[in-house]
Amino acid sequence: MDGDVYSLRGDKRPWKGKNQIDDARLCISIRSELEQADIICGWNSILHDIPLLNARLSLAGEQPCKLSEKHGTRHLDLMYYMGGQSMKVGGKRLELAATFFNCQNRKTSLEGSTWQLATVGDGKAMDAVVDHCEADVRVLRELFPHLAPYVKKLQFDLSEVWQFLDLIPSRR
């Protein structure tokens, strides 16, 4: 959890693609960064970030990002510990979690048009998106000590347990 927040940007070398929508180099680099970690933490990363990355990798003809114990990296999505059996605070939004735990770091607002401008190469819009995403990371870093005690176990991918499903006794 130490270290500065940093970003890999599709509008900067060496991640620039052949055109504005070619993000293959960027996605490959992100996958490499994630797979080198012992554990990664995210917020709604199981249902949004990793599937989005895997879709872009697939489009580029690349292998998906492999985050599991057998691949050496665990994926912890802290959003799931803001609700359910862990605690009830009125929702699972990152902004709500930061407010609930009185974090110094807070989410920033970002209009949808800023995201769209960033995707077509607007440098100021990309700077705003990067600032927004890096603020999210700072909030998540600050939330980690509050939510980590609720983690009972890390999730396994179906591919990790698939080979053992035949060993489960039948309930007939």
N, C-alpha and C. Protein backbone atom coordinates (compact mmCIF):
# COMPACT_ATOMS: atom_id res chain seq x y z
N MET A 1 0.82 -1.19 0.00
CA MET A 1 0.00 0.00 0.00
C MET A 1 0.86 1.25 0.00
N ASP A 2 2.15 1.10 0.01
CA ASP A 2 3.01 2.26 -0.03
C ASP A 2 3.26 2.65 -1.47
N GLY A 3 3.82 3.83 -1.65
CA GLY A 3 4.19 4.28 -2.98
C GLY A 3 3.20 5.26 -3.55
N ASP A 4 3.65 5.92 -4.59
CA ASP A 4 2.83 6.92 -5.24
C ASP A 4 1.82 6.26 -6.17
N VAL A 5 0.74 6.96 -6.39
CA VAL A 5 -0.24 6.53 -7.38
C VAL A 5 0.32 6.91 -8.75
N TYR A 6 0.22 6.00 -9.69
CA TYR A 6 0.69 6.31 -11.04
C TYR A 6 -0.29 5.74 -12.04
N SER A 7 -0.22 6.25 -13.25
CA SER A 7 -1.17 5.84 -14.29
C SER A 7 -0.43 5.44 -15.56
N LEU A 8 -1.01 4.48 -16.24
CA LEU A 8 -0.60 4.13 -17.60
C LEU A 8 -1.64 4.78 -18.50
N ARG A 9 -1.20 5.57 -19.46
CA ARG A 9 -2.13 6.36 -20.27
C ARG A 9 -2.01 6.00 -21.75
N GLY A 10 -3.14 5.78 -22.36
CA GLY A 10 -3.17 5.45 -23.78
C GLY A 10 -2.77 6.58 -24.69
N ASP A 11 -2.72 7.81 -24.15
CA ASP A 11 -2.33 8.95 -24.98
C ASP A 11 -0.84 9.30 -24.83
N LYS A 12 -0.11 8.45 -24.13
CA LYS A 12 1.32 8.68 -23.91
C LYS A 12 2.12 7.48 -24.41
N ARG A 13 3.35 7.74 -24.82
CA ARG A 13 4.24 6.66 -25.20
C ARG A 13 4.68 5.92 -23.95
N PRO A 14 4.88 4.66 -23.93
CA PRO A 14 4.91 3.72 -25.04
C PRO A 14 3.57 3.03 -25.30
N TRP A 15 2.49 3.56 -24.73
CA TRP A 15 1.21 2.86 -24.80
C TRP A 15 0.31 3.34 -25.93
N LYS A 16 0.72 4.36 -26.67
CA LYS A 16 -0.09 4.86 -27.77
C LYS A 16 -0.26 3.78 -28.82
N GLY A 17 -1.48 3.69 -29.34
CA GLY A 17 -1.76 2.70 -30.38
C GLY A 17 -1.61 3.29 -31.78
N LYS A 18 -2.04 2.51 -32.76
CA LYS A 18 -1.96 2.94 -34.15
C LYS A 18 -2.91 4.09 -34.46
N ASN A 19 -4.01 4.14 -33.67
CA ASN A 19 -4.98 5.22 -33.83
C ASN A 19 -5.63 5.47 -32.46
N GLN A 20 -6.61 6.36 -32.40
CA GLN A 20 -7.20 6.77 -31.12
C GLN A 20 -7.95 5.66 -30.40
N ILE A 21 -8.42 4.64 -31.13
CA ILE A 21 -9.17 3.57 -30.45
C ILE A 21 -8.35 2.31 -30.24
N ASP A 22 -7.10 2.32 -30.68
CA ASP A 22 -6.22 1.16 -30.48
C ASP A 22 -5.58 1.24 -29.09
N ASP A 23 -6.10 0.44 -28.18
CA ASP A 23 -5.57 0.45 -26.81
C ASP A 23 -4.89 -0.87 -26.45
N ALA A 24 -4.48 -1.64 -27.44
CA ALA A 24 -3.89 -2.95 -27.20
C ALA A 24 -2.64 -2.86 -26.33
N ARG A 25 -1.70 -1.98 -26.67
CA ARG A 25 -0.47 -1.85 -25.88
C ARG A 25 -0.78 -1.46 -24.44
N LEU A 26 -1.71 -0.54 -24.28
CA LEU A 26 -2.09 -0.10 -22.94
C LEU A 26 -2.68 -1.26 -22.14
N CYS A 27 -3.60 -2.00 -22.74
CA CYS A 27 -4.25 -3.11 -22.04
C CYS A 27 -3.25 -4.22 -21.69
N ILE A 28 -2.33 -4.51 -22.58
CA ILE A 28 -1.30 -5.52 -22.32
C ILE A 28 -0.43 -5.07 -21.15
N SER A 29 -0.08 -3.80 -21.11
CA SER A 29 0.74 -3.27 -20.02
C SER A 29 -0.02 -3.29 -18.69
N ILE A 30 -1.30 -2.96 -18.72
CA ILE A 30 -2.11 -3.01 -17.50
C ILE A 30 -2.20 -4.44 -17.00
N ARG A 31 -2.47 -5.38 -17.91
CA ARG A 31 -2.52 -6.79 -17.52
C ARG A 31 -1.21 -7.21 -16.87
N SER A 32 -0.10 -6.83 -17.46
CA SER A 32 1.22 -7.19 -16.93
C SER A 32 1.42 -6.61 -15.52
N GLU A 33 1.06 -5.36 -15.32
CA GLU A 33 1.18 -4.72 -14.00
C GLU A 33 0.34 -5.49 -12.97
N LEU A 34 -0.90 -5.79 -13.32
CA LEU A 34 -1.79 -6.47 -12.38
C LEU A 34 -1.31 -7.87 -12.05
N GLU A 35 -0.87 -8.61 -13.07
CA GLU A 35 -0.46 -9.99 -12.86
C GLU A 35 0.87 -10.10 -12.09
N GLN A 36 1.63 -9.03 -12.02
CA GLN A 36 2.89 -9.04 -11.26
C GLN A 36 2.66 -8.82 -9.77
N ALA A 37 1.49 -8.35 -9.39
CA ALA A 37 1.20 -8.04 -7.99
C ALA A 37 0.84 -9.31 -7.22
N ASP A 38 1.12 -9.30 -5.93
CA ASP A 38 0.69 -10.41 -5.06
C ASP A 38 -0.81 -10.33 -4.84
N ILE A 39 -1.31 -9.11 -4.67
CA ILE A 39 -2.74 -8.89 -4.46
C ILE A 39 -3.09 -7.53 -5.04
N ILE A 40 -4.25 -7.46 -5.65
CA ILE A 40 -4.75 -6.17 -6.11
C ILE A 40 -6.08 -5.92 -5.41
N CYS A 41 -6.34 -4.67 -5.13
CA CYS A 41 -7.60 -4.27 -4.51
C CYS A 41 -8.29 -3.30 -5.45
N GLY A 42 -9.60 -3.44 -5.54
CA GLY A 42 -10.37 -2.54 -6.38
C GLY A 42 -11.72 -2.26 -5.75
N TRP A 43 -12.50 -1.46 -6.47
CA TRP A 43 -13.87 -1.14 -6.06
C TRP A 43 -14.75 -1.41 -7.27
N ASN A 44 -15.58 -2.40 -7.18
CA ASN A 44 -16.40 -2.89 -8.30
C ASN A 44 -15.52 -3.40 -9.44
N SER A 45 -14.34 -3.82 -9.10
CA SER A 45 -13.39 -4.28 -10.11
C SER A 45 -13.71 -5.67 -10.62
N ILE A 46 -14.42 -6.48 -9.82
CA ILE A 46 -14.79 -7.82 -10.27
C ILE A 46 -15.85 -7.75 -11.37
N LEU A 47 -16.79 -6.83 -11.24
CA LEU A 47 -17.88 -6.73 -12.22
C LEU A 47 -17.65 -5.68 -13.29
N HIS A 48 -16.67 -4.78 -13.12
CA HIS A 48 -16.48 -3.74 -14.12
C HIS A 48 -15.06 -3.72 -14.69
N ASP A 49 -14.09 -3.37 -13.88
CA ASP A 49 -12.75 -3.10 -14.40
C ASP A 49 -12.10 -4.29 -15.09
N ILE A 50 -12.07 -5.44 -14.42
CA ILE A 50 -11.40 -6.60 -15.00
C ILE A 50 -12.16 -7.13 -16.22
N PRO A 51 -13.51 -7.24 -16.18
CA PRO A 51 -14.20 -7.66 -17.40
C PRO A 51 -14.00 -6.69 -18.58
N LEU A 52 -13.94 -5.39 -18.29
CA LEU A 52 -13.69 -4.42 -19.35
C LEU A 52 -12.29 -4.61 -19.93
N LEU A 53 -11.31 -4.77 -19.05
CA LEU A 53 -9.94 -5.02 -19.51
C LEU A 53 -9.89 -6.30 -20.34
N ASN A 54 -10.54 -7.36 -19.87
CA ASN A 54 -10.52 -8.63 -20.60
C ASN A 54 -11.20 -8.52 -21.96
N ALA A 55 -12.24 -7.73 -22.05
CA ALA A 55 -12.90 -7.52 -23.35
C ALA A 55 -11.95 -6.83 -24.33
N ARG A 56 -11.24 -5.82 -23.84
CA ARG A 56 -10.29 -5.10 -24.71
C ARG A 56 -9.12 -6.02 -25.09
N LEU A 57 -8.66 -6.84 -24.15
CA LEU A 57 -7.58 -7.79 -24.46
C LEU A 57 -8.05 -8.81 -25.50
N SER A 58 -9.26 -9.29 -25.36
CA SER A 58 -9.81 -10.25 -26.32
C SER A 58 -9.88 -9.64 -27.71
N LEU A 59 -10.33 -8.41 -27.78
CA LEU A 59 -10.42 -7.71 -29.06
C LEU A 59 -9.05 -7.60 -29.72
N ALA A 60 -8.01 -7.46 -28.90
CA ALA A 60 -6.64 -7.35 -29.42
C ALA A 60 -6.02 -8.72 -29.70
N GLY A 61 -6.80 -9.80 -29.47
CA GLY A 61 -6.28 -11.14 -29.70
C GLY A 61 -5.34 -11.61 -28.60
N GLU A 62 -5.47 -11.04 -27.42
CA GLU A 62 -4.60 -11.35 -26.30
C GLU A 62 -5.30 -12.23 -25.27
N GLN A 63 -4.51 -12.87 -24.42
CA GLN A 63 -5.03 -13.68 -23.33
C GLN A 63 -5.64 -12.76 -22.26
N PRO A 64 -6.63 -13.27 -21.51
CA PRO A 64 -7.24 -12.44 -20.46
C PRO A 64 -6.29 -12.24 -19.28
N CYS A 65 -6.61 -11.28 -18.47
CA CYS A 65 -5.89 -11.02 -17.23
C CYS A 65 -6.21 -12.15 -16.26
N LYS A 66 -5.18 -12.80 -15.73
CA LYS A 66 -5.38 -13.94 -14.84
C LYS A 66 -5.03 -13.55 -13.41
N LEU A 67 -6.06 -13.38 -12.62
CA LEU A 67 -5.89 -12.97 -11.23
C LEU A 67 -6.45 -14.06 -10.34
N SER A 68 -5.59 -14.89 -9.83
CA SER A 68 -6.00 -15.96 -8.93
C SER A 68 -4.77 -16.46 -8.20
N GLU A 69 -5.01 -17.23 -7.17
CA GLU A 69 -3.88 -17.75 -6.38
C GLU A 69 -2.97 -18.60 -7.24
N LYS A 70 -3.55 -19.43 -8.11
CA LYS A 70 -2.69 -20.32 -8.90
C LYS A 70 -1.85 -19.54 -9.90
N HIS A 71 -2.29 -18.33 -10.23
CA HIS A 71 -1.51 -17.49 -11.13
C HIS A 71 -0.64 -16.50 -10.36
N GLY A 72 -0.71 -16.52 -9.04
CA GLY A 72 0.17 -15.71 -8.23
C GLY A 72 -0.36 -14.35 -7.80
N THR A 73 -1.58 -14.01 -8.20
CA THR A 73 -2.16 -12.71 -7.83
C THR A 73 -3.57 -12.91 -7.32
N ARG A 74 -3.86 -12.38 -6.17
CA ARG A 74 -5.22 -12.41 -5.62
C ARG A 74 -5.91 -11.09 -5.92
N HIS A 75 -7.20 -11.15 -6.16
CA HIS A 75 -8.00 -9.98 -6.49
C HIS A 75 -9.03 -9.78 -5.38
N LEU A 76 -8.96 -8.65 -4.72
CA LEU A 76 -9.86 -8.33 -3.63
C LEU A 76 -10.69 -7.11 -4.01
N ASP A 77 -11.99 -7.29 -4.13
CA ASP A 77 -12.90 -6.19 -4.46
C ASP A 77 -13.55 -5.73 -3.15
N LEU A 78 -13.08 -4.62 -2.63
CA LEU A 78 -13.54 -4.15 -1.32
C LEU A 78 -14.98 -3.66 -1.32
N MET A 79 -15.55 -3.41 -2.47
CA MET A 79 -16.95 -2.96 -2.53
C MET A 79 -17.88 -3.96 -1.84
N TYR A 80 -17.55 -5.25 -1.93
CA TYR A 80 -18.43 -6.27 -1.38
C TYR A 80 -18.46 -6.27 0.15
N TYR A 81 -17.54 -5.53 0.77
CA TYR A 81 -17.50 -5.50 2.23
C TYR A 81 -18.16 -4.24 2.79
N MET A 82 -18.82 -3.49 1.94
CA MET A 82 -19.62 -2.33 2.37
C MET A 82 -21.09 -2.70 2.48
N GLY A 83 -21.40 -3.94 2.34
CA GLY A 83 -22.79 -4.38 2.42
C GLY A 83 -22.84 -5.86 2.73
N GLY A 84 -24.01 -6.42 2.55
CA GLY A 84 -24.17 -7.85 2.82
C GLY A 84 -24.00 -8.15 4.29
N GLN A 85 -23.28 -9.21 4.59
CA GLN A 85 -23.11 -9.62 5.98
C GLN A 85 -22.01 -8.84 6.69
N SER A 86 -21.24 -8.03 5.98
CA SER A 86 -20.15 -7.29 6.61
C SER A 86 -20.64 -6.07 7.39
N MET A 87 -21.43 -5.22 6.73
CA MET A 87 -21.96 -4.03 7.38
C MET A 87 -23.06 -3.43 6.52
N LYS A 88 -23.91 -2.65 7.12
CA LYS A 88 -24.99 -1.96 6.42
C LYS A 88 -24.82 -0.47 6.66
N VAL A 89 -24.47 0.26 5.62
CA VAL A 89 -24.27 1.70 5.76
C VAL A 89 -25.08 2.51 4.75
N GLY A 90 -25.99 1.86 4.05
CA GLY A 90 -26.86 2.57 3.12
C GLY A 90 -26.47 2.48 1.67
N GLY A 91 -25.47 1.70 1.34
CA GLY A 91 -25.08 1.54 -0.05
C GLY A 91 -23.63 1.11 -0.18
N LYS A 92 -23.23 0.88 -1.43
CA LYS A 92 -21.87 0.38 -1.69
C LYS A 92 -21.05 1.34 -2.54
N ARG A 93 -21.52 2.56 -2.72
CA ARG A 93 -20.76 3.50 -3.55
C ARG A 93 -19.47 3.91 -2.84
N LEU A 94 -18.42 4.09 -3.61
CA LEU A 94 -17.13 4.48 -3.06
C LEU A 94 -17.24 5.82 -2.33
N GLU A 95 -17.98 6.73 -2.89
CA GLU A 95 -18.18 8.04 -2.27
C GLU A 95 -18.83 7.90 -0.89
N LEU A 96 -19.82 7.03 -0.78
CA LEU A 96 -20.49 6.79 0.50
C LEU A 96 -19.52 6.18 1.52
N ALA A 97 -18.70 5.25 1.07
CA ALA A 97 -17.72 4.62 1.96
C ALA A 97 -16.72 5.65 2.48
N ALA A 98 -16.25 6.53 1.60
CA ALA A 98 -15.30 7.56 2.01
C ALA A 98 -15.93 8.50 3.03
N THR A 99 -17.19 8.84 2.84
CA THR A 99 -17.89 9.71 3.78
C THR A 99 -18.12 8.99 5.10
N PHE A 100 -18.58 7.74 5.03
CA PHE A 100 -18.87 6.97 6.24
C PHE A 100 -17.64 6.85 7.14
N PHE A 101 -16.49 6.58 6.53
CA PHE A 101 -15.26 6.41 7.31
C PHE A 101 -14.47 7.71 7.46
N ASN A 102 -15.08 8.82 7.05
CA ASN A 102 -14.48 10.15 7.20
C ASN A 102 -13.07 10.20 6.62
N CYS A 103 -12.92 9.69 5.41
CA CYS A 103 -11.63 9.68 4.74
C CYS A 103 -11.21 11.10 4.35
N GLN A 104 -9.94 11.37 4.41
CA GLN A 104 -9.44 12.66 3.94
C GLN A 104 -9.54 12.76 2.43
N ASN A 105 -9.25 11.67 1.75
CA ASN A 105 -9.35 11.65 0.29
C ASN A 105 -10.80 11.42 -0.10
N ARG A 106 -11.23 12.05 -1.18
CA ARG A 106 -12.61 11.92 -1.66
C ARG A 106 -12.63 11.73 -3.16
N LYS A 107 -13.71 11.13 -3.61
CA LYS A 107 -13.94 10.99 -5.05
C LYS A 107 -14.11 12.37 -5.66
N THR A 108 -13.78 12.46 -6.92
CA THR A 108 -14.03 13.69 -7.66
C THR A 108 -15.21 13.44 -8.60
N SER A 109 -15.89 14.50 -8.97
CA SER A 109 -16.98 14.34 -9.93
C SER A 109 -16.41 14.46 -11.34
N LEU A 110 -17.08 13.81 -12.26
CA LEU A 110 -16.63 13.84 -13.65
C LEU A 110 -17.84 13.67 -14.54
N GLU A 111 -18.03 14.60 -15.45
CA GLU A 111 -19.16 14.53 -16.37
C GLU A 111 -18.90 13.48 -17.44
N GLY A 112 -20.00 12.89 -17.91
CA GLY A 112 -19.88 11.90 -18.98
C GLY A 112 -19.21 12.44 -20.22
N SER A 113 -19.44 13.71 -20.52
CA SER A 113 -18.82 14.30 -21.71
C SER A 113 -17.30 14.34 -21.59
N THR A 114 -16.79 14.45 -20.37
CA THR A 114 -15.33 14.46 -20.18
C THR A 114 -14.76 13.10 -20.56
N TRP A 115 -15.44 12.02 -20.13
CA TRP A 115 -15.01 10.68 -20.53
C TRP A 115 -15.00 10.56 -22.05
N GLN A 116 -16.06 11.04 -22.69
CA GLN A 116 -16.16 10.93 -24.15
C GLN A 116 -15.06 11.72 -24.83
N LEU A 117 -14.79 12.93 -24.35
CA LEU A 117 -13.72 13.74 -24.96
C LEU A 117 -12.36 13.07 -24.78
N ALA A 118 -12.15 12.45 -23.63
CA ALA A 118 -10.88 11.76 -23.41
C ALA A 118 -10.69 10.61 -24.39
N THR A 119 -11.79 9.92 -24.72
CA THR A 119 -11.67 8.78 -25.63
C THR A 119 -11.35 9.19 -27.06
N VAL A 120 -11.60 10.45 -27.40
CA VAL A 120 -11.29 10.90 -28.77
C VAL A 120 -10.04 11.76 -28.81
N GLY A 121 -9.25 11.73 -27.72
CA GLY A 121 -7.94 12.35 -27.76
C GLY A 121 -7.81 13.73 -27.16
N ASP A 122 -8.82 14.24 -26.49
CA ASP A 122 -8.72 15.55 -25.86
C ASP A 122 -7.81 15.45 -24.64
N GLY A 123 -6.67 16.13 -24.69
CA GLY A 123 -5.66 16.03 -23.64
C GLY A 123 -6.14 16.53 -22.29
N LYS A 124 -6.86 17.65 -22.25
CA LYS A 124 -7.36 18.17 -20.98
C LYS A 124 -8.38 17.22 -20.36
N ALA A 125 -9.21 16.64 -21.20
CA ALA A 125 -10.20 15.68 -20.71
C ALA A 125 -9.50 14.44 -20.16
N MET A 126 -8.47 13.97 -20.85
CA MET A 126 -7.72 12.80 -20.37
C MET A 126 -7.05 13.11 -19.04
N ASP A 127 -6.51 14.32 -18.90
CA ASP A 127 -5.92 14.71 -17.61
C ASP A 127 -6.96 14.66 -16.50
N ALA A 128 -8.18 15.11 -16.79
CA ALA A 128 -9.26 15.09 -15.80
C ALA A 128 -9.64 13.66 -15.44
N VAL A 129 -9.70 12.77 -16.43
CA VAL A 129 -10.02 11.36 -16.19
C VAL A 129 -8.94 10.71 -15.33
N VAL A 130 -7.69 10.99 -15.65
CA VAL A 130 -6.57 10.43 -14.87
C VAL A 130 -6.64 10.93 -13.43
N ASP A 131 -6.87 12.23 -13.25
CA ASP A 131 -6.99 12.79 -11.89
C ASP A 131 -8.13 12.11 -11.13
N HIS A 132 -9.25 11.90 -11.81
CA HIS A 132 -10.42 11.25 -11.22
C HIS A 132 -10.09 9.82 -10.78
N CYS A 133 -9.45 9.07 -11.65
CA CYS A 133 -9.11 7.67 -11.34
C CYS A 133 -8.06 7.58 -10.24
N GLU A 134 -7.08 8.46 -10.26
CA GLU A 134 -6.06 8.45 -9.22
C GLU A 134 -6.66 8.84 -7.86
N ALA A 135 -7.65 9.73 -7.86
CA ALA A 135 -8.35 10.08 -6.61
C ALA A 135 -9.07 8.85 -6.06
N ASP A 136 -9.68 8.05 -6.94
CA ASP A 136 -10.33 6.81 -6.51
C ASP A 136 -9.33 5.87 -5.83
N VAL A 137 -8.14 5.77 -6.39
CA VAL A 137 -7.12 4.90 -5.81
C VAL A 137 -6.72 5.40 -4.42
N ARG A 138 -6.59 6.71 -4.28
CA ARG A 138 -6.24 7.26 -2.96
C ARG A 138 -7.34 6.97 -1.93
N VAL A 139 -8.60 7.10 -2.35
CA VAL A 139 -9.71 6.78 -1.45
C VAL A 139 -9.66 5.31 -1.07
N LEU A 140 -9.47 4.45 -2.05
CA LEU A 140 -9.42 3.00 -1.80
C LEU A 140 -8.29 2.65 -0.85
N ARG A 141 -7.15 3.27 -1.03
CA ARG A 141 -6.01 3.04 -0.14
C ARG A 141 -6.36 3.41 1.30
N GLU A 142 -7.10 4.50 1.45
CA GLU A 142 -7.49 4.95 2.79
C GLU A 142 -8.59 4.06 3.40
N LEU A 143 -9.44 3.49 2.55
CA LEU A 143 -10.51 2.62 3.03
C LEU A 143 -10.02 1.22 3.41
N PHE A 144 -8.94 0.78 2.81
CA PHE A 144 -8.48 -0.59 2.99
C PHE A 144 -8.41 -1.02 4.46
N PRO A 145 -7.79 -0.24 5.35
CA PRO A 145 -7.70 -0.70 6.74
C PRO A 145 -9.06 -0.83 7.44
N HIS A 146 -10.06 -0.10 6.95
CA HIS A 146 -11.40 -0.18 7.55
C HIS A 146 -12.15 -1.44 7.09
N LEU A 147 -11.90 -1.86 5.85
CA LEU A 147 -12.68 -2.96 5.27
C LEU A 147 -11.96 -4.31 5.28
N ALA A 148 -10.65 -4.30 5.28
CA ALA A 148 -9.89 -5.55 5.24
C ALA A 148 -10.22 -6.50 6.39
N PRO A 149 -10.52 -6.02 7.60
CA PRO A 149 -10.86 -6.97 8.66
C PRO A 149 -12.11 -7.81 8.38
N TYR A 150 -12.94 -7.40 7.44
CA TYR A 150 -14.15 -8.15 7.12
C TYR A 150 -13.92 -9.24 6.08
N VAL A 151 -12.74 -9.27 5.49
CA VAL A 151 -12.43 -10.27 4.48
C VAL A 151 -12.21 -11.60 5.18
N LYS A 152 -13.08 -12.56 4.88
CA LYS A 152 -12.97 -13.88 5.48
C LYS A 152 -12.10 -14.80 4.64
N LYS A 153 -12.22 -14.66 3.34
CA LYS A 153 -11.40 -15.45 2.42
C LYS A 153 -11.40 -14.74 1.09
N LEU A 154 -10.46 -15.09 0.28
CA LEU A 154 -10.41 -14.54 -1.07
C LEU A 154 -11.15 -15.50 -1.99
N GLN A 155 -11.80 -14.95 -2.99
CA GLN A 155 -12.60 -15.75 -3.91
C GLN A 155 -11.72 -16.56 -4.86
N PHE A 156 -12.22 -17.70 -5.26
CA PHE A 156 -11.55 -18.53 -6.24
C PHE A 156 -12.30 -18.44 -7.57
N ASP A 157 -11.57 -18.45 -8.65
CA ASP A 157 -12.19 -18.52 -9.97
C ASP A 157 -12.75 -19.93 -10.17
N LEU A 158 -13.82 -20.05 -10.93
CA LEU A 158 -14.41 -21.36 -11.21
C LEU A 158 -13.37 -22.29 -11.83
N SER A 159 -12.50 -21.74 -12.67
CA SER A 159 -11.48 -22.58 -13.31
C SER A 159 -10.54 -23.21 -12.29
N GLU A 160 -10.40 -22.60 -11.12
CA GLU A 160 -9.52 -23.16 -10.09
C GLU A 160 -10.16 -24.34 -9.37
N VAL A 161 -11.48 -24.37 -9.30
CA VAL A 161 -12.16 -25.44 -8.56
C VAL A 161 -12.91 -26.40 -9.47
N TRP A 162 -13.00 -26.09 -10.74
CA TRP A 162 -13.76 -26.91 -11.69
C TRP A 162 -13.35 -28.37 -11.63
N GLN A 163 -12.04 -28.63 -11.58
CA GLN A 163 -11.55 -30.01 -11.59
C GLN A 163 -11.99 -30.79 -10.35
N PHE A 164 -12.40 -30.10 -9.29
CA PHE A 164 -12.79 -30.77 -8.06
C PHE A 164 -14.30 -30.93 -7.91
N LEU A 165 -15.08 -30.39 -8.84
CA LEU A 165 -16.54 -30.46 -8.71
C LEU A 165 -17.06 -31.88 -8.72
N ASP A 166 -16.40 -32.78 -9.42
CA ASP A 166 -16.83 -34.18 -9.46
C ASP A 166 -16.65 -34.87 -8.10
N LEU A 167 -15.85 -34.30 -7.22
CA LEU A 167 -15.59 -34.90 -5.92
C LEU A 167 -16.69 -34.54 -4.90
N ILE A 168 -17.56 -33.60 -5.25
CA ILE A 168 -18.64 -33.22 -4.34
C ILE A 168 -19.68 -34.33 -4.31
N PRO A 169 -20.02 -34.82 -3.10
CA PRO A 169 -21.01 -35.90 -3.01
C PRO A 169 -22.35 -35.48 -3.58
N SER A 170 -23.00 -36.39 -4.24
CA SER A 170 -24.33 -36.14 -4.79
C SER A 170 -25.34 -36.00 -3.67
N ARG A 171 -26.35 -35.15 -3.87
CA ARG A 171 -27.38 -34.94 -2.86
C ARG A 171 -28.65 -35.72 -3.17
N ARG A 172 -28.55 -36.78 -3.89
CA ARG A 172 -29.74 -37.57 -4.26
C ARG A 172 -30.22 -38.38 -3.14
